[in-house]
Amino acid sequence: MKGLVLKSTGSHYKVMLIDEIENSALPNYDETKIIDAVLRGKLRLDQIKSTNPVVVGDRVELIQTENGWAIDAILPRKNYIIRKATNQSKQTHIIAANIDLACVIASIAVPMTSTGFIDRFLVTAEAYSIPAAVVFHKIDLIEDQPDAMAYQQELADIYKSIGYKVLLTSLKYPESLQSLKSLITNKITLLSGHSGVGKSSIINAIQPHLNLKVGKVSFKHLKGKHTTTYAELLPLDFGGFIIDTPGIKEFGLVNMDKYEVSHYFPEMRRYLGQCKFNNCLHINEPGCKVLQALENGEITQSRYKSYLSILDDEDFREVLK
């Protein structure tokens, strides 16, 4: 029997049984098929680098024992998102697996979302092969501010030109939320954004039965005080799931070489292998194609500034080789 892991509490799991024919597609939520399961011992022994062998979003194989259901194997993951383990710096903790979409909820209004926050979120998604989108929310709050409106459009154009899906939303305009609803339908979606940016209100508007459950997580400046290590898949009645996670604050580029950072900026990645030096960091090296593209306006100053900030950030330096 196969199943989809909906919730993990470290040693016990909520798993929804799925049919063989549904194994490759996202199954419909069925409360009657949810069972409690534990891990077979061999999974713990085989897992070396991660503190948690089974995570939310995993497809697993189950067996029935005299004590109930047990997870016997983990099916191959298409992606996952990870952070450093809280108490064991040499180990990692996987937050969730098999994510179809990661959306960063941003705002030009209060609280204003920095481009640095947006770019770090997108870099994290790129690093773990997760498709991403940018949602500018509370657009109604800047309708009477021409400069803010122009800046919002400038940012939207930047991210669209890179290849990201960009949405403009407001609770005042329900039709704008329909585009987001359509985007996340039948997907496993991770939503993130600063506390107060309106993530909870968005979810409540498109999926009222979830109430504030998703919004209990505080995503703030890639830091914050939320320390729980558990994640959960919350069902959407129009198809798909929202991931309730311990917070983007702990996500990070684990064991990544500093020369790879630019690989996660799509507009820089296109120049991969074209610089004069193979180990070019795109800072001040001669013959650097990225710097040439920056000078020619093919790479924006804001994105390049975010790239330099990541290289210089203390939180990243400790994991960069």
Protein backbone atom coordinates (compact mmCIF):
# COMPACT_ATOMS: atom_id res chain seq x y z
CA MET A 1 0.00 0.00 0.00
CA LYS A 2 1.20 3.50 -0.80
CA GLY A 3 0.51 6.77 0.96
CA LEU A 4 1.07 10.54 1.02
CA VAL A 5 2.55 11.95 4.24
CA LEU A 6 0.33 14.80 5.49
CA LYS A 7 1.89 15.51 8.86
CA SER A 8 5.04 14.61 10.76
CA THR A 9 5.62 14.98 14.47
CA GLY A 10 9.06 13.46 14.49
CA SER A 11 8.18 9.87 15.33
CA HIS A 12 4.53 9.55 14.26
CA TYR A 13 2.96 10.39 10.92
CA LYS A 14 -0.44 11.14 9.46
CA VAL A 15 -0.59 9.42 6.09
CA MET A 16 -3.33 9.36 3.47
CA LEU A 17 -3.57 6.05 1.68
CA ILE A 18 -3.48 6.37 -2.10
CA ASP A 19 -4.24 3.94 -4.88
CA GLU A 20 -1.58 2.63 -7.22
CA ILE A 21 -3.12 4.49 -10.16
CA GLU A 22 -2.89 7.76 -8.21
CA ASN A 23 0.72 7.32 -7.26
CA SER A 24 2.18 9.59 -9.94
CA ALA A 25 -0.52 12.27 -9.71
CA LEU A 26 -1.63 14.42 -6.80
CA PRO A 27 -4.42 12.49 -5.10
CA ASN A 28 -7.67 14.03 -3.93
CA TYR A 29 -7.94 14.57 -0.20
CA ASP A 30 -9.96 11.85 1.50
CA GLU A 31 -10.28 12.06 5.26
CA THR A 32 -11.51 8.45 5.43
CA LYS A 33 -8.15 7.22 4.11
CA ILE A 34 -5.98 8.91 6.74
CA ILE A 35 -4.09 6.57 9.03
CA ASP A 36 -1.45 6.88 11.75
CA ALA A 37 1.92 5.33 10.99
CA VAL A 38 5.38 4.91 12.49
CA LEU A 39 8.73 4.20 10.88
CA ARG A 40 10.32 0.85 10.53
CA GLY A 41 13.66 0.85 12.33
CA LYS A 42 15.75 0.29 9.22
CA LEU A 43 14.73 3.67 7.81
CA ARG A 44 16.20 5.42 10.81
CA LEU A 45 19.42 3.42 10.49
CA ASP A 46 19.76 4.10 6.77
CA GLN A 47 19.29 7.85 7.13
CA ILE A 48 22.65 9.46 7.79
CA LYS A 49 22.75 13.11 6.73
CA SER A 50 19.24 14.17 7.68
CA THR A 51 17.68 14.17 11.14
CA ASN A 52 14.30 13.16 9.71
CA PRO A 53 14.01 10.30 7.19
CA VAL A 54 10.34 10.90 6.24
CA VAL A 55 8.80 14.33 5.64
CA VAL A 56 5.56 16.02 4.66
CA GLY A 57 4.89 15.52 0.97
CA ASP A 58 6.72 12.21 0.77
CA ARG A 59 5.17 9.32 -1.12
CA VAL A 60 5.78 6.19 0.94
CA GLU A 61 5.20 2.46 0.93
CA LEU A 62 3.38 1.07 3.96
CA ILE A 63 2.94 -2.30 5.57
CA GLN A 64 0.62 -3.47 8.29
CA THR A 65 2.17 -4.97 11.40
CA GLU A 66 0.68 -6.36 14.57
CA ASN A 67 1.02 -2.87 16.06
CA GLY A 68 -0.56 -1.01 13.12
CA TRP A 69 0.74 0.74 10.02
CA ALA A 70 4.46 1.23 9.41
CA ILE A 71 6.33 3.17 6.73
CA ASP A 72 8.54 0.67 4.96
CA ALA A 73 10.11 2.73 2.16
CA ILE A 74 10.27 6.24 0.72
CA LEU A 75 9.54 6.65 -2.97
CA PRO A 76 11.93 8.87 -5.01
CA ARG A 77 11.52 12.61 -4.38
CA LYS A 78 11.35 15.15 -7.21
CA ASN A 79 12.58 17.88 -4.84
CA TYR A 80 12.71 18.94 -1.22
CA ILE A 81 13.52 21.99 0.85
CA ILE A 82 15.98 21.82 3.71
CA ARG A 83 17.50 23.68 6.63
CA LYS A 84 20.36 23.09 9.02
CA ALA A 85 19.38 20.97 12.00
CA THR A 86 18.68 23.09 15.07
CA ASN A 87 21.02 21.37 17.50
CA GLN A 88 23.35 19.49 15.19
CA SER A 89 25.16 21.84 12.84
CA LYS A 90 26.60 19.04 10.72
CA GLN A 91 23.19 17.56 10.02
CA THR A 92 20.24 18.82 8.04
CA HIS A 93 16.49 18.82 8.52
CA ILE A 94 14.23 18.41 5.51
CA ILE A 95 11.09 20.57 5.78
CA ALA A 96 8.95 19.14 2.97
CA ALA A 97 9.27 17.16 -0.25
CA ASN A 98 7.67 17.01 -3.69
CA ILE A 99 6.68 20.69 -3.75
CA ASP A 100 4.97 21.81 -6.96
CA LEU A 101 5.11 25.56 -6.38
CA ALA A 102 6.62 28.09 -3.97
CA CYS A 103 4.97 31.52 -3.81
CA VAL A 104 6.44 34.53 -2.07
CA ILE A 105 3.77 37.00 -0.97
CA ALA A 106 5.21 40.52 -1.19
CA SER A 107 3.88 44.04 -0.77
CA ILE A 108 4.86 47.56 -1.75
CA ALA A 109 2.51 48.82 0.98
CA VAL A 110 3.05 48.37 4.72
CA PRO A 111 4.83 46.17 5.56
CA MET A 112 7.01 46.73 2.52
CA THR A 113 8.82 43.66 1.25
CA SER A 114 12.45 44.17 0.32
CA THR A 115 13.80 42.86 -2.96
CA GLY A 116 16.42 41.09 -0.87
CA PHE A 117 13.74 38.99 0.83
CA ILE A 118 12.09 38.16 -2.50
CA ASP A 119 15.39 37.25 -4.15
CA ARG A 120 16.57 35.03 -1.29
CA PHE A 121 13.29 33.16 -1.40
CA LEU A 122 13.65 32.68 -5.17
CA VAL A 123 17.27 31.58 -4.82
CA THR A 124 16.23 29.00 -2.22
CA ALA A 125 13.53 27.70 -4.55
CA GLU A 126 15.98 27.53 -7.46
CA ALA A 127 18.54 25.71 -5.33
CA TYR A 128 16.06 22.94 -4.56
CA SER A 129 14.46 22.77 -8.03
CA ILE A 130 11.09 24.16 -6.93
CA PRO A 131 9.09 26.29 -9.41
CA ALA A 132 8.41 29.71 -7.90
CA ALA A 133 6.09 32.69 -8.32
CA VAL A 134 5.90 36.24 -6.94
CA VAL A 135 2.61 37.66 -5.64
CA PHE A 136 2.38 41.40 -4.99
CA HIS A 137 -0.49 41.80 -2.52
CA LYS A 138 -2.42 44.80 -1.13
CA ILE A 139 -2.25 46.57 -4.48
CA ASP A 140 -5.31 48.65 -3.55
CA LEU A 141 -3.34 50.41 -0.80
CA ILE A 142 -1.04 52.15 -3.29
CA GLU A 143 -3.59 53.05 -5.97
CA ASP A 144 -3.32 56.75 -5.05
CA GLN A 145 0.51 56.65 -4.97
CA PRO A 146 1.89 56.95 -8.51
CA ASP A 147 5.51 56.41 -7.46
CA ALA A 148 4.65 53.25 -5.53
CA MET A 149 2.54 51.97 -8.41
CA ALA A 150 5.40 52.60 -10.83
CA TYR A 151 7.86 50.81 -8.54
CA GLN A 152 5.54 47.83 -8.19
CA GLN A 153 5.23 47.59 -11.97
CA GLU A 154 8.99 47.89 -12.34
CA LEU A 155 9.53 44.96 -9.99
CA ALA A 156 6.79 42.93 -11.65
CA ASP A 157 8.43 43.49 -15.03
CA ILE A 158 11.85 42.47 -13.65
CA TYR A 159 10.61 39.13 -12.31
CA LYS A 160 8.52 38.44 -15.40
CA SER A 161 11.55 39.07 -17.62
CA ILE A 162 13.55 36.54 -15.60
CA GLY A 163 10.83 33.95 -16.17
CA TYR A 164 8.82 33.98 -12.94
CA LYS A 165 5.04 34.04 -12.79
CA VAL A 166 3.93 37.35 -11.24
CA LEU A 167 0.47 38.11 -9.82
CA LEU A 168 -1.05 41.33 -8.44
CA THR A 169 -3.69 40.71 -5.78
CA SER A 170 -5.98 42.48 -3.34
CA LEU A 171 -8.84 41.45 -1.09
CA LYS A 172 -10.67 44.47 -2.51
CA TYR A 173 -10.63 42.81 -5.93
CA PRO A 174 -11.78 39.17 -5.57
CA GLU A 175 -11.12 38.51 -9.24
CA SER A 176 -7.40 39.09 -8.60
CA LEU A 177 -7.41 36.25 -6.07
CA GLN A 178 -8.98 33.95 -8.62
CA SER A 179 -5.75 34.03 -10.60
CA LEU A 180 -3.84 32.83 -7.52
CA LYS A 181 -6.45 30.19 -6.83
CA SER A 182 -6.10 28.91 -10.38
CA LEU A 183 -2.31 28.91 -10.05
CA ILE A 184 -2.26 26.69 -6.94
CA THR A 185 -5.13 24.36 -7.90
CA ASN A 186 -4.08 20.70 -7.86
CA LYS A 187 -0.59 21.55 -6.62
CA ILE A 188 1.34 21.20 -3.38
CA THR A 189 2.13 24.87 -2.71
CA LEU A 190 4.42 26.57 -0.22
CA LEU A 191 3.42 30.17 0.60
CA SER A 192 5.75 32.57 2.38
CA GLY A 193 5.89 36.25 3.22
CA HIS A 194 6.65 38.75 5.97
CA SER A 195 4.34 38.76 8.95
CA GLY A 196 1.49 41.15 8.21
CA VAL A 197 1.83 40.98 4.44
CA GLY A 198 -1.61 39.37 4.17
CA LYS A 199 -0.82 35.72 3.61
CA SER A 200 -3.47 34.55 6.10
CA SER A 201 -6.14 36.81 4.65
CA ILE A 202 -5.39 35.52 1.16
CA ILE A 203 -5.76 31.93 2.28
CA ASN A 204 -8.95 32.69 4.19
CA ALA A 205 -10.39 34.40 1.14
CA ILE A 206 -9.75 31.53 -1.25
CA GLN A 207 -10.17 28.70 1.29
CA PRO A 208 -12.26 29.79 4.30
CA HIS A 209 -12.28 26.42 6.09
CA LEU A 210 -8.56 26.71 6.87
CA ASN A 211 -9.23 29.79 9.06
CA LEU A 212 -5.93 31.12 10.45
CA LYS A 213 -4.18 27.79 10.66
CA VAL A 214 -1.72 28.55 7.86
CA GLY A 215 -1.22 32.08 9.20
CA LYS A 216 0.02 30.94 12.58
CA VAL A 217 3.53 30.72 11.11
CA SER A 218 5.44 34.00 11.20
CA PHE A 219 7.78 34.52 8.26
CA LYS A 220 9.90 37.59 9.04
CA HIS A 221 13.12 38.74 7.42
CA LEU A 222 14.34 35.15 7.00
CA LYS A 223 14.70 35.19 10.80
CA GLY A 224 12.03 35.14 13.47
CA LYS A 225 11.09 33.30 16.61
CA HIS A 226 9.11 30.35 15.27
CA THR A 227 10.98 27.20 16.28
CA THR A 228 8.65 24.25 15.64
CA THR A 229 10.15 21.55 13.46
CA TYR A 230 6.86 20.12 12.23
CA ALA A 231 5.18 20.73 8.91
CA GLU A 232 1.72 19.84 7.60
CA LEU A 233 -0.15 19.53 4.32
CA LEU A 234 -3.49 21.34 4.54
CA PRO A 235 -6.09 20.32 1.92
CA LEU A 236 -7.77 22.73 -0.49
CA ASP A 237 -11.33 21.82 -1.41
CA PHE A 238 -10.73 22.91 -5.02
CA GLY A 239 -7.77 20.53 -5.29
CA GLY A 240 -4.25 20.55 -3.93
CA PHE A 241 -2.57 21.35 -0.62
CA ILE A 242 -0.97 24.28 1.17
CA ILE A 243 2.18 23.56 3.16
CA ASP A 244 2.16 24.86 6.73
CA THR A 245 5.86 24.96 7.61
CA PRO A 246 8.10 25.94 10.52
CA GLY A 247 9.15 29.02 8.59
CA ILE A 248 11.39 30.24 5.82
CA LYS A 249 13.73 31.67 8.48
CA GLU A 250 15.51 28.35 8.81
CA PHE A 251 15.71 27.44 5.13
CA GLY A 252 19.18 27.73 3.72
CA LEU A 253 21.61 26.76 1.03
CA VAL A 254 23.27 23.89 2.83
CA ASN A 255 26.68 22.67 1.69
CA MET A 256 26.71 24.95 -1.32
CA ASP A 257 29.87 26.18 -2.96
CA LYS A 258 30.05 29.98 -3.16
CA TYR A 259 30.77 29.72 -6.87
CA GLU A 260 27.35 28.14 -7.35
CA VAL A 261 25.31 31.04 -5.93
CA SER A 262 25.01 32.69 -9.34
CA HIS A 263 23.60 29.45 -10.76
CA TYR A 264 20.41 30.15 -8.84
CA PHE A 265 19.92 33.53 -10.50
CA PRO A 266 18.43 32.55 -13.91
CA GLU A 267 19.62 35.75 -15.59
CA MET A 268 23.18 35.00 -14.44
CA ARG A 269 22.95 31.29 -15.13
CA ARG A 270 22.59 31.94 -18.85
CA TYR A 271 26.22 33.15 -18.88
CA LEU A 272 27.51 30.00 -17.18
CA GLY A 273 30.88 29.00 -18.61
CA GLN A 274 31.31 32.20 -20.63
CA CYS A 275 33.50 34.15 -18.19
CA LYS A 276 37.26 34.32 -18.68
CA PHE A 277 37.89 32.43 -15.44
CA ASN A 278 36.11 29.20 -14.51
CA ASN A 279 35.97 30.22 -10.84
CA CYS A 280 34.60 33.70 -11.54
CA LEU A 281 32.56 35.14 -8.66
CA HIS A 282 31.30 38.00 -10.85
CA ILE A 283 32.55 40.70 -8.51
CA ASN A 284 35.53 42.44 -10.16
CA GLU A 285 37.17 39.81 -12.34
CA PRO A 286 38.30 40.76 -15.87
CA GLY A 287 36.43 39.15 -18.73
CA CYS A 288 33.32 38.54 -16.63
CA LYS A 289 30.22 38.13 -18.80
CA VAL A 290 27.89 38.69 -15.86
CA LEU A 291 29.44 42.09 -15.13
CA GLN A 292 29.19 42.94 -18.83
CA ALA A 293 25.50 41.97 -18.78
CA LEU A 294 25.02 44.12 -15.68
CA GLU A 295 26.62 47.09 -17.41
CA ASN A 296 24.42 46.51 -20.47
CA GLY A 297 21.27 46.45 -18.35
CA GLU A 298 20.59 42.75 -19.01
CA ILE A 299 20.89 42.09 -15.28
CA THR A 300 19.23 44.57 -12.93
CA GLN A 301 21.07 46.39 -10.19
CA SER A 302 18.59 45.20 -7.54
CA ARG A 303 19.11 41.53 -8.39
CA TYR A 304 22.88 41.91 -8.53
CA LYS A 305 22.81 43.67 -5.17
CA SER A 306 20.90 40.70 -3.75
CA TYR A 307 23.53 38.35 -5.18
CA LEU A 308 26.34 40.26 -3.47
CA SER A 309 24.33 40.39 -0.25
CA ILE A 310 23.97 36.61 -0.22
CA LEU A 311 27.71 36.13 -0.72
CA ASP A 312 28.39 38.56 2.11
CA ASP A 313 25.70 37.41 4.53
CA GLU A 314 26.97 35.85 7.74
CA ASP A 315 24.16 33.27 7.74
CA PHE A 316 25.25 32.11 4.31
CA ARG A 317 29.01 32.39 4.84
CA GLU A 318 28.90 29.71 7.50
CA VAL A 319 27.58 27.17 4.98
CA LEU A 320 29.43 28.39 1.92
CA LYS A 321 32.63 26.56 1.21
